[in-house]
Amino acid sequence: MLEEELGFNDPYLSERCGLVADRYEVFAITIPSCRGFALVVSSDLKSATPPPVMLHGAITTTGKCNNAMRLTIRHRKLVNPTRET
């Protein structure tokens, strides 16, 4: 259901967590029906147009941007990437 929702709606700017490796834009999107959780997605800005999106999974909203960045780094197998918030 959440993946389908992302297909129709862009995340809010307030849900943006930053840029990793000068390439991947990371978002922690609040899950409306699950208070306290957010869905982590990242888009590859240096790839095709529109940029492909990777769905990483759900995290708690406590420290959500830091956790979203770490999850993205792990799933995309990045080594010591730069991080911009």
PDB file of N, CA and C in Angstrom:
ATOM      1  N   MET A   1       0.821  -1.180   0.000  1.00  0.00           N
ATOM      2  CA  MET A   1       0.000   0.000   0.000  1.00  0.00           C
ATOM      3  C   MET A   1       0.876   1.259   0.000  1.00  0.00           C
ATOM      4  N   LEU A   2       1.917   1.275   0.841  1.00  0.00           N
ATOM      5  CA  LEU A   2       2.785   2.447   0.922  1.00  0.00           C
ATOM      6  C   LEU A   2       3.566   2.658  -0.362  1.00  0.00           C
ATOM      7  N   GLU A   3       4.008   1.584  -0.965  1.00  0.00           N
ATOM      8  CA  GLU A   3       4.742   1.689  -2.231  1.00  0.00           C
ATOM      9  C   GLU A   3       3.841   2.277  -3.314  1.00  0.00           C
ATOM     10  N   GLU A   4       2.590   1.861  -3.312  1.00  0.00           N
ATOM     11  CA  GLU A   4       1.619   2.381  -4.268  1.00  0.00           C
ATOM     12  C   GLU A   4       1.384   3.876  -4.030  1.00  0.00           C
ATOM     13  N   GLU A   5       1.303   4.270  -2.758  1.00  0.00           N
ATOM     14  CA  GLU A   5       1.115   5.672  -2.393  1.00  0.00           C
ATOM     15  C   GLU A   5       2.265   6.537  -2.918  1.00  0.00           C
ATOM     16  N   LEU A   6       3.478   6.022  -2.831  1.00  0.00           N
ATOM     17  CA  LEU A   6       4.649   6.753  -3.315  1.00  0.00           C
ATOM     18  C   LEU A   6       4.606   6.947  -4.831  1.00  0.00           C
ATOM     19  N   GLY A   7       3.976   6.030  -5.522  1.00  0.00           N
ATOM     20  CA  GLY A   7       3.875   6.142  -6.971  1.00  0.00           C
ATOM     21  C   GLY A   7       3.024   7.318  -7.411  1.00  0.00           C
ATOM     22  N   PHE A   8       2.127   7.767  -6.535  1.00  0.00           N
ATOM     23  CA  PHE A   8       1.209   8.847  -6.894  1.00  0.00           C
ATOM     24  C   PHE A   8       1.545  10.181  -6.232  1.00  0.00           C
ATOM     25  N   ASN A   9       2.280  10.157  -5.133  1.00  0.00           N
ATOM     26  CA  ASN A   9       2.557  11.384  -4.392  1.00  0.00           C
ATOM     27  C   ASN A   9       4.044  11.505  -4.070  1.00  0.00           C
ATOM     28  N   ASP A  10       4.602  12.678  -4.315  1.00  0.00           N
ATOM     29  CA  ASP A  10       5.982  12.946  -3.925  1.00  0.00           C
ATOM     30  C   ASP A  10       6.019  13.213  -2.428  1.00  0.00           C
ATOM     31  N   PRO A  11       7.131  12.889  -1.785  1.00  0.00           N
ATOM     32  CA  PRO A  11       7.238  13.189  -0.348  1.00  0.00           C
ATOM     33  C   PRO A  11       7.304  14.702  -0.120  1.00  0.00           C
ATOM     34  N   TYR A  12       6.907  15.118   1.081  1.00  0.00           N
ATOM     35  CA  TYR A  12       6.975  16.526   1.447  1.00  0.00           C
ATOM     36  C   TYR A  12       8.432  16.924   1.663  1.00  0.00           C
ATOM     37  N   LEU A  13       8.739  18.178   1.409  1.00  0.00           N
ATOM     38  CA  LEU A  13      10.089  18.689   1.615  1.00  0.00           C
ATOM     39  C   LEU A  13      10.513  18.531   3.081  1.00  0.00           C
ATOM     40  N   SER A  14       9.561  18.632   3.997  1.00  0.00           N
ATOM     41  CA  SER A  14       9.862  18.480   5.427  1.00  0.00           C
ATOM     42  C   SER A  14      10.286  17.049   5.779  1.00  0.00           C
ATOM     43  N   GLU A  15      10.043  16.098   4.888  1.00  0.00           N
ATOM     44  CA  GLU A  15      10.410  14.703   5.131  1.00  0.00           C
ATOM     45  C   GLU A  15      11.779  14.360   4.543  1.00  0.00           C
ATOM     46  N   ARG A  16      12.410  15.334   3.927  1.00  0.00           N
ATOM     47  CA  ARG A  16      13.735  15.130   3.341  1.00  0.00           C
ATOM     48  C   ARG A  16      14.769  15.090   4.460  1.00  0.00           C
ATOM     49  N   CYS A  17      15.636  14.099   4.415  1.00  0.00           N
ATOM     50  CA  CYS A  17      16.686  13.962   5.433  1.00  0.00           C
ATOM     51  C   CYS A  17      18.038  14.443   4.936  1.00  0.00           C
ATOM     52  N   GLY A  18      18.254  14.455   3.651  1.00  0.00           N
ATOM     53  CA  GLY A  18      19.513  14.945   3.131  1.00  0.00           C
ATOM     54  C   GLY A  18      20.008  14.167   1.936  1.00  0.00           C
ATOM     55  N   LEU A  19      21.279  14.397   1.632  1.00  0.00           N
ATOM     56  CA  LEU A  19      21.928  13.803   0.469  1.00  0.00           C
ATOM     57  C   LEU A  19      23.100  12.950   0.943  1.00  0.00           C
ATOM     58  N   VAL A  20      23.223  11.753   0.393  1.00  0.00           N
ATOM     59  CA  VAL A  20      24.318  10.847   0.734  1.00  0.00           C
ATOM     60  C   VAL A  20      25.164  10.628  -0.513  1.00  0.00           C
ATOM     61  N   ALA A  21      26.475  10.699  -0.341  1.00  0.00           N
ATOM     62  CA  ALA A  21      27.437  10.452  -1.426  1.00  0.00           C
ATOM     63  C   ALA A  21      27.209  11.381  -2.616  1.00  0.00           C
ATOM     64  N   ASP A  22      26.707  12.568  -2.359  1.00  0.00           N
ATOM     65  CA  ASP A  22      26.427  13.549  -3.416  1.00  0.00           C
ATOM     66  C   ASP A  22      25.576  12.974  -4.544  1.00  0.00           C
ATOM     67  N   ARG A  23      24.752  11.981  -4.223  1.00  0.00           N
ATOM     68  CA  ARG A  23      24.002  11.299  -5.268  1.00  0.00           C
ATOM     69  C   ARG A  23      22.608  10.853  -4.836  1.00  0.00           C
ATOM     70  N   TYR A  24      22.467  10.363  -3.612  1.00  0.00           N
ATOM     71  CA  TYR A  24      21.209   9.757  -3.166  1.00  0.00           C
ATOM     72  C   TYR A  24      20.467  10.683  -2.213  1.00  0.00           C
ATOM     73  N   GLU A  25      19.291  11.113  -2.620  1.00  0.00           N
ATOM     74  CA  GLU A  25      18.452  11.946  -1.774  1.00  0.00           C
ATOM     75  C   GLU A  25      17.612  11.024  -0.889  1.00  0.00           C
ATOM     76  N   VAL A  26      17.639  11.269   0.415  1.00  0.00           N
ATOM     77  CA  VAL A  26      17.008  10.372   1.394  1.00  0.00           C
ATOM     78  C   VAL A  26      15.796  11.062   2.022  1.00  0.00           C
ATOM     79  N   PHE A  27      14.710  10.292   2.130  1.00  0.00           N
ATOM     80  CA  PHE A  27      13.484  10.773   2.754  1.00  0.00           C
ATOM     81  C   PHE A  27      13.031   9.780   3.820  1.00  0.00           C
ATOM     82  N   ALA A  28      12.464  10.310   4.907  1.00  0.00           N
ATOM     83  CA  ALA A  28      11.805   9.500   5.932  1.00  0.00           C
ATOM     84  C   ALA A  28      10.355   9.968   5.951  1.00  0.00           C
ATOM     85  N   ILE A  29       9.488   9.206   5.310  1.00  0.00           N
ATOM     86  CA  ILE A  29       8.102   9.608   5.083  1.00  0.00           C
ATOM     87  C   ILE A  29       7.218   9.030   6.176  1.00  0.00           C
ATOM     88  N   THR A  30       6.539   9.919   6.888  1.00  0.00           N
ATOM     89  CA  THR A  30       5.664   9.506   7.977  1.00  0.00           C
ATOM     90  C   THR A  30       4.569   8.579   7.445  1.00  0.00           C
ATOM     91  N   ILE A  31       4.334   7.494   8.170  1.00  0.00           N
ATOM     92  CA  ILE A  31       3.287   6.538   7.791  1.00  0.00           C
ATOM     93  C   ILE A  31       2.002   6.953   8.507  1.00  0.00           C
ATOM     94  N   PRO A  32       0.998   7.406   7.763  1.00  0.00           N
ATOM     95  CA  PRO A  32      -0.211   7.961   8.390  1.00  0.00           C
ATOM     96  C   PRO A  32      -0.912   7.015   9.370  1.00  0.00           C
ATOM     97  N   SER A  33      -1.010   5.760   9.046  1.00  0.00           N
ATOM     98  CA  SER A  33      -1.753   4.833   9.903  1.00  0.00           C
ATOM     99  C   SER A  33      -0.892   4.183  10.981  1.00  0.00           C
ATOM    100  N   CYS A  34       0.387   4.524  11.054  1.00  0.00           N
ATOM    101  CA  CYS A  34       1.300   3.927  12.042  1.00  0.00           C
ATOM    102  C   CYS A  34       2.094   5.038  12.728  1.00  0.00           C
ATOM    103  N   ARG A  35       1.491   5.688  13.694  1.00  0.00           N
ATOM    104  CA  ARG A  35       2.187   6.768  14.400  1.00  0.00           C
ATOM    105  C   ARG A  35       3.479   6.248  15.007  1.00  0.00           C
ATOM    106  N   GLY A  36       4.498   7.036  14.867  1.00  0.00           N
ATOM    107  CA  GLY A  36       5.782   6.661  15.428  1.00  0.00           C
ATOM    108  C   GLY A  36       6.694   5.934  14.453  1.00  0.00           C
ATOM    109  N   PHE A  37       6.234   5.748  13.215  1.00  0.00           N
ATOM    110  CA  PHE A  37       7.053   5.057  12.209  1.00  0.00           C
ATOM    111  C   PHE A  37       7.118   5.873  10.926  1.00  0.00           C
ATOM    112  N   ALA A  38       8.224   5.704  10.210  1.00  0.00           N
ATOM    113  CA  ALA A  38       8.416   6.377   8.929  1.00  0.00           C
ATOM    114  C   ALA A  38       8.989   5.385   7.929  1.00  0.00           C
ATOM    115  N   LEU A  39       8.695   5.621   6.678  1.00  0.00           N
ATOM    116  CA  LEU A  39       9.178   4.787   5.589  1.00  0.00           C
ATOM    117  C   LEU A  39      10.388   5.468   4.961  1.00  0.00           C
ATOM    118  N   VAL A  40      11.486   4.735   4.818  1.00  0.00           N
ATOM    119  CA  VAL A  40      12.719   5.304   4.259  1.00  0.00           C
ATOM    120  C   VAL A  40      12.803   4.976   2.774  1.00  0.00           C
ATOM    121  N   VAL A  41      12.997   6.024   1.973  1.00  0.00           N
ATOM    122  CA  VAL A  41      13.206   5.866   0.534  1.00  0.00           C
ATOM    123  C   VAL A  41      14.373   6.758   0.121  1.00  0.00           C
ATOM    124  N   SER A  42      15.067   6.340  -0.922  1.00  0.00           N
ATOM    125  CA  SER A  42      16.131   7.184  -1.469  1.00  0.00           C
ATOM    126  C   SER A  42      16.014   7.169  -2.988  1.00  0.00           C
ATOM    127  N   SER A  43      16.375   8.301  -3.573  1.00  0.00           N
ATOM    128  CA  SER A  43      16.344   8.386  -5.033  1.00  0.00           C
ATOM    129  C   SER A  43      17.751   8.696  -5.537  1.00  0.00           C
ATOM    130  N   ASP A  44      18.088   8.084  -6.661  1.00  0.00           N
ATOM    131  CA  ASP A  44      19.403   8.239  -7.271  1.00  0.00           C
ATOM    132  C   ASP A  44      19.342   9.410  -8.241  1.00  0.00           C
ATOM    133  N   LEU A  45      19.832  10.563  -7.809  1.00  0.00           N
ATOM    134  CA  LEU A  45      19.720  11.787  -8.598  1.00  0.00           C
ATOM    135  C   LEU A  45      20.627  11.820  -9.812  1.00  0.00           C
ATOM    136  N   LYS A  46      21.647  10.969  -9.851  1.00  0.00           N
ATOM    137  CA  LYS A  46      22.589  10.982 -10.978  1.00  0.00           C
ATOM    138  C   LYS A  46      22.347   9.817 -11.934  1.00  0.00           C
ATOM    139  N   SER A  47      21.157   9.297 -11.916  1.00  0.00           N
ATOM    140  CA  SER A  47      20.807   8.193 -12.796  1.00  0.00           C
ATOM    141  C   SER A  47      19.811   8.703 -13.837  1.00  0.00           C
ATOM    142  N   ALA A  48      18.837   7.912 -14.147  1.00  0.00           N
ATOM    143  CA  ALA A  48      17.859   8.244 -15.187  1.00  0.00           C
ATOM    144  C   ALA A  48      16.912   9.356 -14.744  1.00  0.00           C
ATOM    145  N   THR A  49      16.126   9.851 -15.691  1.00  0.00           N
ATOM    146  CA  THR A  49      15.078  10.817 -15.391  1.00  0.00           C
ATOM    147  C   THR A  49      13.749  10.175 -15.731  1.00  0.00           C
ATOM    148  N   PRO A  50      12.812  10.066 -14.826  1.00  0.00           N
ATOM    149  CA  PRO A  50      12.881  10.447 -13.426  1.00  0.00           C
ATOM    150  C   PRO A  50      13.824   9.522 -12.659  1.00  0.00           C
ATOM    151  N   PRO A  51      14.385  10.016 -11.546  1.00  0.00           N
ATOM    152  CA  PRO A  51      15.348   9.205 -10.798  1.00  0.00           C
ATOM    153  C   PRO A  51      14.702   7.962 -10.195  1.00  0.00           C
ATOM    154  N   PRO A  52      15.387   6.819 -10.288  1.00  0.00           N
ATOM    155  CA  PRO A  52      14.854   5.597  -9.682  1.00  0.00           C
ATOM    156  C   PRO A  52      14.864   5.710  -8.157  1.00  0.00           C
ATOM    157  N   VAL A  53      13.894   5.085  -7.535  1.00  0.00           N
ATOM    158  CA  VAL A  53      13.724   5.150  -6.091  1.00  0.00           C
ATOM    159  C   VAL A  53      13.929   3.765  -5.492  1.00  0.00           C
ATOM    160  N   MET A  54      14.621   3.711  -4.343  1.00  0.00           N
ATOM    161  CA  MET A  54      14.793   2.457  -3.609  1.00  0.00           C
ATOM    162  C   MET A  54      14.017   2.582  -2.299  1.00  0.00           C
ATOM    163  N   LEU A  55      13.182   1.601  -2.023  1.00  0.00           N
ATOM    164  CA  LEU A  55      12.409   1.541  -0.793  1.00  0.00           C
ATOM    165  C   LEU A  55      13.212   0.717   0.207  1.00  0.00           C
ATOM    166  N   HIS A  56      13.575   1.329   1.345  1.00  0.00           N
ATOM    167  CA  HIS A  56      14.458   0.665   2.307  1.00  0.00           C
ATOM    168  C   HIS A  56      13.722  -0.020   3.452  1.00  0.00           C
ATOM    169  N   GLY A  57      12.572   0.489   3.854  1.00  0.00           N
ATOM    170  CA  GLY A  57      11.824  -0.117   4.944  1.00  0.00           C
ATOM    171  C   GLY A  57      11.363   0.918   5.956  1.00  0.00           C
ATOM    172  N   ALA A  58      10.774   0.428   7.039  1.00  0.00           N
ATOM    173  CA  ALA A  58      10.223   1.300   8.073  1.00  0.00           C
ATOM    174  C   ALA A  58      11.195   1.434   9.236  1.00  0.00           C
ATOM    175  N   ILE A  59      11.196   2.632   9.838  1.00  0.00           N
ATOM    176  CA  ILE A  59      12.003   2.919  11.021  1.00  0.00           C
ATOM    177  C   ILE A  59      11.129   3.675  12.019  1.00  0.00           C
ATOM    178  N   THR A  60      11.576   3.752  13.269  1.00  0.00           N
ATOM    179  CA  THR A  60      10.856   4.573  14.232  1.00  0.00           C
ATOM    180  C   THR A  60      11.194   6.037  13.970  1.00  0.00           C
ATOM    181  N   THR A  61      10.302   6.919  14.377  1.00  0.00           N
ATOM    182  CA  THR A  61      10.516   8.340  14.117  1.00  0.00           C
ATOM    183  C   THR A  61      11.504   8.981  15.093  1.00  0.00           C
ATOM    184  N   THR A  62      11.916   8.278  16.121  1.00  0.00           N
ATOM    185  CA  THR A  62      12.931   8.790  17.030  1.00  0.00           C
ATOM    186  C   THR A  62      14.269   8.797  16.301  1.00  0.00           C
ATOM    187  N   GLY A  63      14.836   9.976  16.088  1.00  0.00           N
ATOM    188  CA  GLY A  63      16.089  10.086  15.345  1.00  0.00           C
ATOM    189  C   GLY A  63      15.948   9.627  13.911  1.00  0.00           C
ATOM    190  N   LYS A  64      14.795   9.910  13.311  1.00  0.00           N
ATOM    191  CA  LYS A  64      14.465   9.308  12.010  1.00  0.00           C
ATOM    192  C   LYS A  64      15.448   9.638  10.895  1.00  0.00           C
ATOM    193  N   CYS A  65      15.918  10.865  10.808  1.00  0.00           N
ATOM    194  CA  CYS A  65      16.811  11.194   9.694  1.00  0.00           C
ATOM    195  C   CYS A  65      18.170  10.512   9.833  1.00  0.00           C
ATOM    196  N   ASN A  66      18.702  10.465  11.026  1.00  0.00           N
ATOM    197  CA  ASN A  66      19.973   9.778  11.236  1.00  0.00           C
ATOM    198  C   ASN A  66      19.826   8.290  10.907  1.00  0.00           C
ATOM    199  N   ASN A  67      18.746   7.689  11.358  1.00  0.00           N
ATOM    200  CA  ASN A  67      18.500   6.268  11.073  1.00  0.00           C
ATOM    201  C   ASN A  67      18.234   6.027   9.593  1.00  0.00           C
ATOM    202  N   ALA A  68      17.537   6.955   8.947  1.00  0.00           N
ATOM    203  CA  ALA A  68      17.249   6.824   7.513  1.00  0.00           C
ATOM    204  C   ALA A  68      18.534   6.881   6.699  1.00  0.00           C
ATOM    205  N   MET A  69      19.427   7.794   7.081  1.00  0.00           N
ATOM    206  CA  MET A  69      20.710   7.903   6.372  1.00  0.00           C
ATOM    207  C   MET A  69      21.535   6.630   6.550  1.00  0.00           C
ATOM    208  N   ARG A  70      21.600   6.120   7.778  1.00  0.00           N
ATOM    209  CA  ARG A  70      22.375   4.896   8.040  1.00  0.00           C
ATOM    210  C   ARG A  70      21.811   3.708   7.266  1.00  0.00           C
ATOM    211  N   LEU A  71      20.491   3.581   7.219  1.00  0.00           N
ATOM    212  CA  LEU A  71      19.860   2.476   6.496  1.00  0.00           C
ATOM    213  C   LEU A  71      20.146   2.580   4.998  1.00  0.00           C
ATOM    214  N   THR A  72      20.081   3.770   4.457  1.00  0.00           N
ATOM    215  CA  THR A  72      20.378   3.983   3.041  1.00  0.00           C
ATOM    216  C   THR A  72      21.823   3.618   2.731  1.00  0.00           C
ATOM    217  N   ILE A  73      22.749   4.055   3.566  1.00  0.00           N
ATOM    218  CA  ILE A  73      24.169   3.752   3.376  1.00  0.00           C
ATOM    219  C   ILE A  73      24.396   2.248   3.388  1.00  0.00           C
ATOM    220  N   ARG A  74      23.759   1.558   4.318  1.00  0.00           N
ATOM    221  CA  ARG A  74      23.918   0.101   4.412  1.00  0.00           C
ATOM    222  C   ARG A  74      23.317  -0.607   3.200  1.00  0.00           C
ATOM    223  N   HIS A  75      22.095  -0.239   2.815  1.00  0.00           N
ATOM    224  CA  HIS A  75      21.430  -0.920   1.696  1.00  0.00           C
ATOM    225  C   HIS A  75      22.093  -0.636   0.348  1.00  0.00           C
ATOM    226  N   ARG A  76      22.637   0.550   0.192  1.00  0.00           N
ATOM    227  CA  ARG A  76      23.298   0.882  -1.069  1.00  0.00           C
ATOM    228  C   ARG A  76      24.779   0.526  -1.062  1.00  0.00           C
ATOM    229  N   LYS A  77      25.234  -0.070   0.046  1.00  0.00           N
ATOM    230  CA  LYS A  77      26.610  -0.569   0.189  1.00  0.00           C
ATOM    231  C   LYS A  77      27.648   0.522  -0.081  1.00  0.00           C
ATOM    232  N   LEU A  78      27.438   1.672   0.547  1.00  0.00           N
ATOM    233  CA  LEU A  78      28.355   2.800   0.399  1.00  0.00           C
ATOM    234  C   LEU A  78      29.411   2.750   1.500  1.00  0.00           C
ATOM    235  N   VAL A  79      30.645   3.095   1.174  1.00  0.00           N
ATOM    236  CA  VAL A  79      31.735   3.080   2.138  1.00  0.00           C
ATOM    237  C   VAL A  79      32.163   4.522   2.421  1.00  0.00           C
ATOM    238  N   ASN A  80      32.030   4.941   3.671  1.00  0.00           N
ATOM    239  CA  ASN A  80      32.395   6.305   4.110  1.00  0.00           C
ATOM    240  C   ASN A  80      31.873   7.401   3.186  1.00  0.00           C
ATOM    241  N   PRO A  81      30.568   7.415   2.903  1.00  0.00           N
ATOM    242  CA  PRO A  81      30.043   8.442   2.011  1.00  0.00           C
ATOM    243  C   PRO A  81      29.912   9.793   2.715  1.00  0.00           C
ATOM    244  N   THR A  82      29.903  10.844   1.921  1.00  0.00           N
ATOM    245  CA  THR A  82      29.621  12.162   2.458  1.00  0.00           C
ATOM    246  C   THR A  82      28.133  12.215   2.794  1.00  0.00           C
ATOM    247  N   ARG A  83      27.797  13.038   3.798  1.00  0.00           N
ATOM    248  CA  ARG A  83      26.407  13.208   4.194  1.00  0.00           C
ATOM    249  C   ARG A  83      26.097  14.688   4.299  1.00  0.00           C
ATOM    250  N   GLU A  84      25.039  15.094   3.639  1.00  0.00           N
ATOM    251  CA  GLU A  84      24.596  16.490   3.682  1.00  0.00           C
ATOM    252  C   GLU A  84      23.158  16.509   4.171  1.00  0.00           C
ATOM    253  N   THR A  85      22.894  17.268   5.221  1.00  0.00           N
ATOM    254  CA  THR A  85      21.528  17.340   5.747  1.00  0.00           C
ATOM    255  C   THR A  85      20.801  18.542   5.239  1.00  0.00           C
TER     256      THR A  85
END
